[in-house]
Amino acid sequence: MTEGVHLLKNGISPYEGDLFHETPLHLLVYSWLVLLKQPLLDLVFILVDACTCLFLQTLAANYTNQAVIFCFRSYFILLVNFFHSGVKGETEQKEVCRRLARNNAD
């Protein structure tokens, strides 16, 4: 980060060579962040890391809950279909599964 800002301040393109690989928007943000004093800069990076952590935790929790609910519903439908296999015909089994799937989706 600091290398790219240093090159830009000295009139050298930071994208020449393999030193800096960030987008121009990141370079602009970094050039502003470098102006902050070190403790404040550390705090900014800690806050960004904490926000990223919370975002990923929320995303993973939502994905996991949806996956568990989907698997449970699918397993339940298969069990109902299995237990009704000797009692009802195939078309009636499919209708029961469709009704269960619609009820679980609501």
N, C-alpha and C. Protein backbone atom coordinates (compact mmCIF):
# COMPACT_ATOMS: atom_id res chain seq x y z
N MET A 1 0.82 -1.18 0.00
CA MET A 1 0.00 0.00 0.00
C MET A 1 0.87 1.25 0.00
N THR A 2 1.77 1.34 0.93
CA THR A 2 2.58 2.56 1.03
C THR A 2 3.52 2.72 -0.16
N GLU A 3 3.94 1.61 -0.75
CA GLU A 3 4.82 1.70 -1.91
C GLU A 3 4.12 2.38 -3.08
N GLY A 4 2.85 2.00 -3.32
CA GLY A 4 2.09 2.59 -4.40
C GLY A 4 1.86 4.08 -4.19
N VAL A 5 1.55 4.47 -2.95
CA VAL A 5 1.34 5.89 -2.64
C VAL A 5 2.65 6.65 -2.81
N HIS A 6 3.76 6.07 -2.36
CA HIS A 6 5.07 6.72 -2.48
C HIS A 6 5.43 6.93 -3.96
N LEU A 7 5.22 5.91 -4.78
CA LEU A 7 5.51 6.04 -6.21
C LEU A 7 4.64 7.12 -6.86
N LEU A 8 3.37 7.16 -6.49
CA LEU A 8 2.46 8.15 -7.06
C LEU A 8 2.88 9.57 -6.67
N LYS A 9 3.28 9.76 -5.42
CA LYS A 9 3.71 11.09 -4.97
C LYS A 9 4.98 11.56 -5.67
N ASN A 10 5.82 10.62 -6.08
CA ASN A 10 7.07 10.96 -6.76
C ASN A 10 6.92 11.01 -8.28
N GLY A 11 5.68 10.94 -8.78
CA GLY A 11 5.44 11.06 -10.20
C GLY A 11 5.70 9.82 -11.01
N ILE A 12 5.83 8.69 -10.36
CA ILE A 12 6.07 7.42 -11.04
C ILE A 12 4.76 6.62 -11.02
N SER A 13 4.43 6.02 -12.14
CA SER A 13 3.21 5.20 -12.18
C SER A 13 3.39 3.97 -11.30
N PRO A 14 2.52 3.77 -10.33
CA PRO A 14 2.65 2.59 -9.46
C PRO A 14 2.34 1.29 -10.18
N TYR A 15 1.76 1.39 -11.37
CA TYR A 15 1.37 0.18 -12.11
C TYR A 15 2.46 -0.33 -13.03
N GLU A 16 3.58 0.39 -13.13
CA GLU A 16 4.71 -0.12 -13.89
C GLU A 16 5.45 -1.12 -13.01
N GLY A 17 5.68 -2.26 -13.51
CA GLY A 17 6.35 -3.30 -12.72
C GLY A 17 5.35 -4.12 -11.93
N ASP A 18 5.84 -4.82 -10.93
CA ASP A 18 5.02 -5.73 -10.12
C ASP A 18 4.90 -5.30 -8.67
N LEU A 19 5.02 -4.02 -8.39
CA LEU A 19 5.04 -3.58 -7.00
C LEU A 19 3.64 -3.33 -6.44
N PHE A 20 2.75 -2.78 -7.22
CA PHE A 20 1.43 -2.38 -6.73
C PHE A 20 0.35 -3.02 -7.60
N HIS A 21 -0.59 -3.72 -6.98
CA HIS A 21 -1.60 -4.46 -7.73
C HIS A 21 -3.03 -4.08 -7.34
N GLU A 22 -3.23 -2.94 -6.75
CA GLU A 22 -4.56 -2.50 -6.35
C GLU A 22 -5.20 -1.64 -7.43
N THR A 23 -6.50 -1.40 -7.30
CA THR A 23 -7.22 -0.58 -8.26
C THR A 23 -6.92 0.90 -8.02
N PRO A 24 -7.17 1.75 -9.01
CA PRO A 24 -6.95 3.18 -8.80
C PRO A 24 -7.78 3.78 -7.66
N LEU A 25 -8.97 3.25 -7.45
CA LEU A 25 -9.79 3.73 -6.33
C LEU A 25 -9.13 3.41 -5.00
N HIS A 26 -8.58 2.21 -4.88
CA HIS A 26 -7.86 1.85 -3.66
C HIS A 26 -6.64 2.74 -3.46
N LEU A 27 -5.95 3.05 -4.54
CA LEU A 27 -4.79 3.92 -4.46
C LEU A 27 -5.19 5.30 -3.93
N LEU A 28 -6.33 5.80 -4.39
CA LEU A 28 -6.82 7.09 -3.91
C LEU A 28 -7.15 7.03 -2.42
N VAL A 29 -7.84 5.99 -2.00
CA VAL A 29 -8.19 5.83 -0.58
C VAL A 29 -6.92 5.67 0.26
N TYR A 30 -5.98 4.88 -0.21
CA TYR A 30 -4.74 4.69 0.53
C TYR A 30 -3.96 5.99 0.66
N SER A 31 -3.98 6.81 -0.38
CA SER A 31 -3.25 8.07 -0.29
C SER A 31 -3.85 8.99 0.77
N TRP A 32 -5.17 8.89 1.00
CA TRP A 32 -5.78 9.64 2.08
C TRP A 32 -5.48 9.01 3.44
N LEU A 33 -5.47 7.68 3.49
CA LEU A 33 -5.23 7.00 4.76
C LEU A 33 -3.81 7.21 5.27
N VAL A 34 -2.87 7.34 4.35
CA VAL A 34 -1.47 7.53 4.76
C VAL A 34 -1.30 8.86 5.50
N LEU A 35 -2.19 9.81 5.25
CA LEU A 35 -2.10 11.11 5.92
C LEU A 35 -2.49 11.02 7.40
N LEU A 36 -3.17 9.96 7.80
CA LEU A 36 -3.58 9.80 9.19
C LEU A 36 -2.38 9.42 10.06
N LYS A 37 -2.46 9.76 11.33
CA LYS A 37 -1.41 9.35 12.27
C LYS A 37 -1.53 7.84 12.53
N GLN A 38 -0.45 7.21 12.92
CA GLN A 38 -0.39 5.76 13.01
C GLN A 38 -1.47 5.14 13.91
N PRO A 39 -1.71 5.63 15.13
CA PRO A 39 -2.77 4.99 15.93
C PRO A 39 -4.15 5.07 15.28
N LEU A 40 -4.45 6.18 14.64
CA LEU A 40 -5.73 6.33 13.97
C LEU A 40 -5.81 5.41 12.74
N LEU A 41 -4.73 5.28 12.03
CA LEU A 41 -4.68 4.38 10.87
C LEU A 41 -4.89 2.93 11.32
N ASP A 42 -4.26 2.55 12.43
CA ASP A 42 -4.46 1.20 12.97
C ASP A 42 -5.92 0.97 13.32
N LEU A 43 -6.56 1.99 13.92
CA LEU A 43 -7.96 1.88 14.29
C LEU A 43 -8.86 1.71 13.06
N VAL A 44 -8.55 2.43 11.99
CA VAL A 44 -9.33 2.31 10.76
C VAL A 44 -9.25 0.87 10.23
N PHE A 45 -8.06 0.30 10.20
CA PHE A 45 -7.91 -1.07 9.69
C PHE A 45 -8.58 -2.09 10.62
N ILE A 46 -8.53 -1.85 11.92
CA ILE A 46 -9.20 -2.76 12.86
C ILE A 46 -10.71 -2.70 12.65
N LEU A 47 -11.27 -1.51 12.46
CA LEU A 47 -12.71 -1.37 12.23
C LEU A 47 -13.14 -2.03 10.92
N VAL A 48 -12.34 -1.85 9.88
CA VAL A 48 -12.66 -2.48 8.59
C VAL A 48 -12.61 -4.00 8.72
N ASP A 49 -11.62 -4.53 9.44
CA ASP A 49 -11.54 -5.97 9.65
C ASP A 49 -12.73 -6.48 10.46
N ALA A 50 -13.14 -5.73 11.49
CA ALA A 50 -14.28 -6.13 12.31
C ALA A 50 -15.57 -6.13 11.49
N CYS A 51 -15.75 -5.12 10.65
CA CYS A 51 -16.94 -5.07 9.79
C CYS A 51 -16.95 -6.23 8.81
N THR A 52 -15.79 -6.56 8.26
CA THR A 52 -15.69 -7.69 7.34
C THR A 52 -16.03 -8.99 8.06
N CYS A 53 -15.54 -9.12 9.28
CA CYS A 53 -15.83 -10.32 10.08
C CYS A 53 -17.33 -10.45 10.33
N LEU A 54 -17.99 -9.37 10.73
CA LEU A 54 -19.43 -9.42 10.98
C LEU A 54 -20.21 -9.74 9.71
N PHE A 55 -19.80 -9.15 8.60
CA PHE A 55 -20.46 -9.42 7.33
C PHE A 55 -20.35 -10.90 6.95
N LEU A 56 -19.15 -11.45 7.04
CA LEU A 56 -18.94 -12.86 6.69
C LEU A 56 -19.68 -13.79 7.65
N GLN A 57 -19.72 -13.42 8.93
CA GLN A 57 -20.43 -14.23 9.92
C GLN A 57 -21.93 -14.25 9.60
N THR A 58 -22.49 -13.10 9.28
CA THR A 58 -23.91 -13.02 8.94
C THR A 58 -24.21 -13.80 7.66
N LEU A 59 -23.36 -13.65 6.68
CA LEU A 59 -23.54 -14.36 5.42
C LEU A 59 -23.48 -15.86 5.63
N ALA A 60 -22.52 -16.34 6.40
CA ALA A 60 -22.38 -17.77 6.66
C ALA A 60 -23.57 -18.30 7.46
N ALA A 61 -24.04 -17.53 8.44
CA ALA A 61 -25.18 -17.97 9.25
C ALA A 61 -26.44 -18.08 8.39
N ASN A 62 -26.67 -17.10 7.53
CA ASN A 62 -27.84 -17.16 6.66
C ASN A 62 -27.76 -18.34 5.69
N TYR A 63 -26.59 -18.55 5.12
CA TYR A 63 -26.41 -19.67 4.19
C TYR A 63 -26.61 -21.00 4.90
N THR A 64 -26.04 -21.14 6.09
CA THR A 64 -26.15 -22.39 6.84
C THR A 64 -27.59 -22.67 7.23
N ASN A 65 -28.30 -21.64 7.71
CA ASN A 65 -29.70 -21.83 8.09
C ASN A 65 -30.53 -22.25 6.90
N GLN A 66 -30.33 -21.63 5.77
CA GLN A 66 -31.10 -21.98 4.58
C GLN A 66 -30.77 -23.39 4.11
N ALA A 67 -29.49 -23.76 4.19
CA ALA A 67 -29.08 -25.10 3.76
C ALA A 67 -29.68 -26.16 4.68
N VAL A 68 -29.68 -25.90 5.99
CA VAL A 68 -30.22 -26.86 6.95
C VAL A 68 -31.72 -27.01 6.75
N ILE A 69 -32.42 -25.89 6.57
CA ILE A 69 -33.87 -25.95 6.35
C ILE A 69 -34.18 -26.70 5.07
N PHE A 70 -33.44 -26.42 4.00
CA PHE A 70 -33.68 -27.11 2.73
C PHE A 70 -33.44 -28.61 2.88
N CYS A 71 -32.36 -29.01 3.54
CA CYS A 71 -32.06 -30.44 3.72
C CYS A 71 -33.12 -31.11 4.57
N PHE A 72 -33.56 -30.43 5.63
CA PHE A 72 -34.59 -31.01 6.50
C PHE A 72 -35.89 -31.22 5.72
N ARG A 73 -36.29 -30.22 4.95
CA ARG A 73 -37.52 -30.35 4.17
C ARG A 73 -37.41 -31.48 3.15
N SER A 74 -36.29 -31.57 2.47
CA SER A 74 -36.11 -32.63 1.48
C SER A 74 -36.15 -34.01 2.14
N TYR A 75 -35.49 -34.14 3.29
CA TYR A 75 -35.47 -35.41 4.02
C TYR A 75 -36.87 -35.77 4.49
N PHE A 76 -37.60 -34.78 4.98
CA PHE A 76 -38.96 -35.02 5.46
C PHE A 76 -39.86 -35.49 4.32
N ILE A 77 -39.75 -34.86 3.17
CA ILE A 77 -40.55 -35.25 2.01
C ILE A 77 -40.21 -36.67 1.57
N LEU A 78 -38.92 -37.02 1.59
CA LEU A 78 -38.53 -38.39 1.23
C LEU A 78 -39.07 -39.41 2.22
N LEU A 79 -39.05 -39.07 3.51
CA LEU A 79 -39.59 -40.00 4.51
C LEU A 79 -41.09 -40.20 4.33
N VAL A 80 -41.81 -39.12 4.12
CA VAL A 80 -43.25 -39.24 3.91
C VAL A 80 -43.53 -40.07 2.67
N ASN A 81 -42.78 -39.82 1.62
CA ASN A 81 -42.95 -40.57 0.38
C ASN A 81 -42.67 -42.06 0.62
N PHE A 82 -41.64 -42.37 1.40
CA PHE A 82 -41.28 -43.75 1.68
C PHE A 82 -42.38 -44.46 2.46
N PHE A 83 -42.93 -43.81 3.50
CA PHE A 83 -43.94 -44.45 4.33
C PHE A 83 -45.29 -44.57 3.64
N HIS A 84 -45.53 -43.70 2.68
CA HIS A 84 -46.79 -43.78 1.95
C HIS A 84 -46.69 -44.66 0.70
N SER A 85 -45.53 -45.21 0.43
CA SER A 85 -45.34 -45.96 -0.82
C SER A 85 -46.21 -47.21 -0.89
N GLY A 86 -46.44 -47.89 0.23
CA GLY A 86 -47.25 -49.11 0.21
C GLY A 86 -48.73 -48.82 0.27
N VAL A 87 -49.11 -47.64 0.66
CA VAL A 87 -50.51 -47.35 0.89
C VAL A 87 -51.18 -46.71 -0.32
N LYS A 88 -50.48 -45.78 -0.97
CA LYS A 88 -51.09 -45.01 -2.04
C LYS A 88 -50.39 -45.28 -3.37
N GLY A 89 -51.04 -44.91 -4.44
CA GLY A 89 -50.46 -45.05 -5.76
C GLY A 89 -49.40 -43.98 -6.00
N GLU A 90 -48.70 -44.12 -7.11
CA GLU A 90 -47.59 -43.20 -7.40
C GLU A 90 -48.07 -41.77 -7.61
N THR A 91 -49.18 -41.58 -8.29
CA THR A 91 -49.66 -40.21 -8.52
C THR A 91 -50.10 -39.57 -7.22
N GLU A 92 -50.70 -40.34 -6.32
CA GLU A 92 -51.11 -39.80 -5.02
C GLU A 92 -49.88 -39.46 -4.17
N GLN A 93 -48.83 -40.28 -4.26
CA GLN A 93 -47.60 -39.98 -3.53
C GLN A 93 -47.01 -38.66 -3.98
N LYS A 94 -46.97 -38.46 -5.29
CA LYS A 94 -46.42 -37.22 -5.82
C LYS A 94 -47.24 -36.02 -5.37
N GLU A 95 -48.56 -36.19 -5.32
CA GLU A 95 -49.42 -35.09 -4.88
C GLU A 95 -49.17 -34.77 -3.40
N VAL A 96 -49.00 -35.78 -2.58
CA VAL A 96 -48.70 -35.56 -1.16
C VAL A 96 -47.37 -34.83 -1.02
N CYS A 97 -46.38 -35.25 -1.78
CA CYS A 97 -45.07 -34.59 -1.72
C CYS A 97 -45.17 -33.13 -2.17
N ARG A 98 -45.95 -32.88 -3.21
CA ARG A 98 -46.11 -31.50 -3.67
C ARG A 98 -46.78 -30.64 -2.61
N ARG A 99 -47.83 -31.18 -1.98
CA ARG A 99 -48.52 -30.42 -0.93
C ARG A 99 -47.59 -30.14 0.25
N LEU A 100 -46.81 -31.13 0.65
CA LEU A 100 -45.87 -30.94 1.75
C LEU A 100 -44.82 -29.90 1.40
N ALA A 101 -44.33 -29.96 0.17
CA ALA A 101 -43.31 -29.01 -0.25
C ALA A 101 -43.89 -27.59 -0.27
N ARG A 102 -45.15 -27.44 -0.73
CA ARG A 102 -45.78 -26.12 -0.74
C ARG A 102 -45.99 -25.61 0.68
N ASN A 103 -46.44 -26.50 1.58
CA ASN A 103 -46.66 -26.09 2.98
C ASN A 103 -45.36 -25.71 3.66
N ASN A 104 -44.29 -26.45 3.39
CA ASN A 104 -43.00 -26.14 3.99
C ASN A 104 -42.40 -24.87 3.42
N ALA A 105 -42.69 -24.57 2.17
CA ALA A 105 -42.14 -23.35 1.54
C ALA A 105 -42.78 -22.11 2.13
N ASP A 106 -44.02 -22.24 2.63
CA ASP A 106 -44.70 -21.08 3.23
C ASP A 106 -44.18 -20.89 4.60
